[in-house]
Protein backbone atom coordinates (compact mmCIF):
# COMPACT_ATOMS: atom_id res chain seq x y z
CA MET A 1 93.88 127.23 118.04
CA ARG A 2 94.65 125.10 114.98
CA ILE A 3 96.34 121.78 115.69
CA ASP A 4 98.99 122.23 112.99
CA LYS A 5 100.01 125.57 114.47
CA TRP A 6 100.15 124.11 117.99
CA LEU A 7 102.29 121.15 116.85
CA TRP A 8 104.70 123.61 115.24
CA ALA A 9 104.79 125.79 118.39
CA ALA A 10 105.36 122.71 120.57
CA ARG A 11 108.32 121.79 118.32
CA PHE A 12 107.05 118.42 117.11
CA PHE A 13 107.62 119.61 113.53
CA LYS A 14 110.16 122.01 112.06
CA THR A 15 107.65 123.91 109.92
CA ARG A 16 103.90 124.41 109.88
CA ALA A 17 103.76 122.98 106.38
CA ILE A 18 105.26 119.71 107.61
CA ALA A 19 102.77 119.65 110.52
CA THR A 20 99.91 120.20 108.07
CA ARG A 21 101.20 117.39 105.84
CA ALA A 22 101.39 115.03 108.85
CA CYS A 23 97.75 115.80 109.66
CA ASP A 24 96.72 115.17 106.05
CA LEU A 25 98.54 111.82 106.05
CA GLY A 26 96.73 110.71 109.22
CA ARG A 27 99.78 110.74 111.50
CA ILE A 28 98.03 112.93 114.07
CA GLN A 29 95.08 111.78 116.15
CA SER A 30 93.14 113.91 118.58
CA ASN A 31 91.10 112.10 121.24
CA GLY A 32 91.17 108.92 119.15
CA GLN A 33 90.09 110.51 115.86
CA ALA A 34 92.15 111.50 112.85
CA ALA A 35 92.84 115.22 113.01
CA LYS A 36 92.64 117.64 110.12
CA PRO A 37 95.08 120.56 110.19
CA SER A 38 92.32 123.03 111.06
CA ARG A 39 91.01 121.04 114.04
CA GLU A 40 90.85 123.07 117.23
CA VAL A 41 93.13 121.95 120.05
CA ARG A 42 92.34 122.74 123.69
CA ALA A 43 94.03 122.13 127.01
CA GLY A 44 93.25 118.59 128.18
CA ASP A 45 93.12 117.04 124.69
CA LEU A 46 94.94 113.74 124.17
CA LEU A 47 97.03 113.63 121.01
CA GLN A 48 98.89 110.84 119.25
CA VAL A 49 101.74 112.22 117.17
CA LYS A 50 103.82 110.12 114.78
CA ASN A 51 106.97 111.76 113.42
CA GLU A 52 110.55 110.76 112.64
CA SER A 53 111.46 111.02 116.34
CA GLY A 54 108.93 108.34 117.29
CA ASP A 55 105.34 107.90 118.38
CA PHE A 56 104.17 110.24 121.12
CA GLN A 57 101.02 110.07 123.24
CA ILE A 58 100.66 113.45 124.87
CA GLU A 59 98.22 115.52 126.87
CA VAL A 60 97.92 119.19 125.95
CA LEU A 61 98.58 121.40 128.99
CA ALA A 62 98.71 124.87 127.45
CA ILE A 63 98.18 126.72 124.18
CA SER A 64 100.77 128.92 122.53
CA GLU A 65 100.48 130.60 119.15
CA THR A 66 104.17 131.51 118.94
CA ARG A 67 107.11 129.18 118.59
CA GLY A 68 109.48 129.82 121.45
CA PRO A 69 112.52 128.14 122.94
CA ALA A 70 112.53 124.39 123.51
CA ALA A 71 112.28 124.88 127.28
CA VAL A 72 109.01 126.78 126.81
CA ALA A 73 107.73 124.22 124.30
CA LEU A 74 108.14 121.44 126.89
CA THR A 75 105.65 123.20 129.17
CA LEU A 76 102.89 122.99 126.53
CA TYR A 77 102.40 119.22 126.87
CA ARG A 78 103.00 116.16 129.03
CA GLU A 79 103.95 112.81 127.54
CA THR A 80 102.33 109.72 129.06
CA ASP A 81 104.59 107.31 130.93
CA ALA A 82 103.66 104.37 128.66
CA SER A 83 104.55 106.39 125.57
CA ARG A 84 107.90 107.46 127.01
CA GLU A 85 108.83 103.88 128.00
CA LEU A 86 107.85 102.48 124.59
CA ARG A 87 109.79 105.19 122.74
CA LEU A 88 112.93 104.63 124.85
CA LYS A 89 112.67 100.86 124.37
CA LEU A 90 112.42 101.23 120.58
CA ALA A 91 115.37 103.64 120.55
CA GLU A 92 117.45 101.14 122.53
CA GLU A 93 116.55 98.36 120.08
CA ARG A 94 117.54 100.61 117.17
CA ARG A 95 120.94 101.24 118.75
CA ALA A 96 121.49 97.51 119.32
CA MET A 97 120.78 96.58 115.68
CA PRO A 98 123.88 95.83 113.59
CA ARG A 99 124.74 98.43 111.02
CA PHE A 100 126.04 97.84 107.54
CA GLU A 101 129.23 99.74 106.98
CA ALA A 102 131.19 99.73 103.77
CA SER A 103 134.77 98.54 103.99
CA GLY A 104 136.00 101.95 102.87
CA GLU A 105 138.58 100.49 100.53
CA GLY A 106 136.93 101.86 97.41
CA ARG A 107 137.10 100.20 94.01
CA PRO A 108 139.17 97.05 93.63
CA SER A 109 142.53 97.44 91.96
CA LYS A 110 143.30 95.63 88.73
CA ARG A 111 145.05 92.87 90.68
CA ASN A 112 142.16 92.52 93.16
CA ARG A 113 139.61 92.41 90.33
CA ARG A 114 141.54 89.59 88.62
CA ASP A 115 141.64 87.69 91.92
CA LEU A 116 137.87 88.17 92.34
CA ASN A 117 137.22 86.96 88.79
CA ARG A 118 139.40 83.90 89.37
CA LEU A 119 137.54 83.18 92.61
CA ARG A 120 134.17 83.46 90.85
CA GLY A 121 135.36 81.18 88.08
CA ARG A 122 135.06 83.69 85.26
CA ILE A 123 138.57 83.29 83.88
């Protein structure tokens, strides 16, 4: 079975076109080699998948040509422990990073703008 179709069925990508594009960009590796979209995938293959959810190192357990529910998709592969730990660690670091949030006040009023100009020494 084609790797792009399997990645779509395993719910790593929302569409097959996006899975194909990821293969073309080199974000998918099969057994240590860059995978083209038409590469055959078999049970026992080791895949490295990079998508917006993170970097996954998985072992293919089963093949499915149809996209089913998420519970069924989870039975198609097994993620390595090292990959899971690394992904969770990076997600925790992302949550801990400070976020920039706008003050929400909108544009300054005429009075506030005059105060800002005075502070900056423009008037």
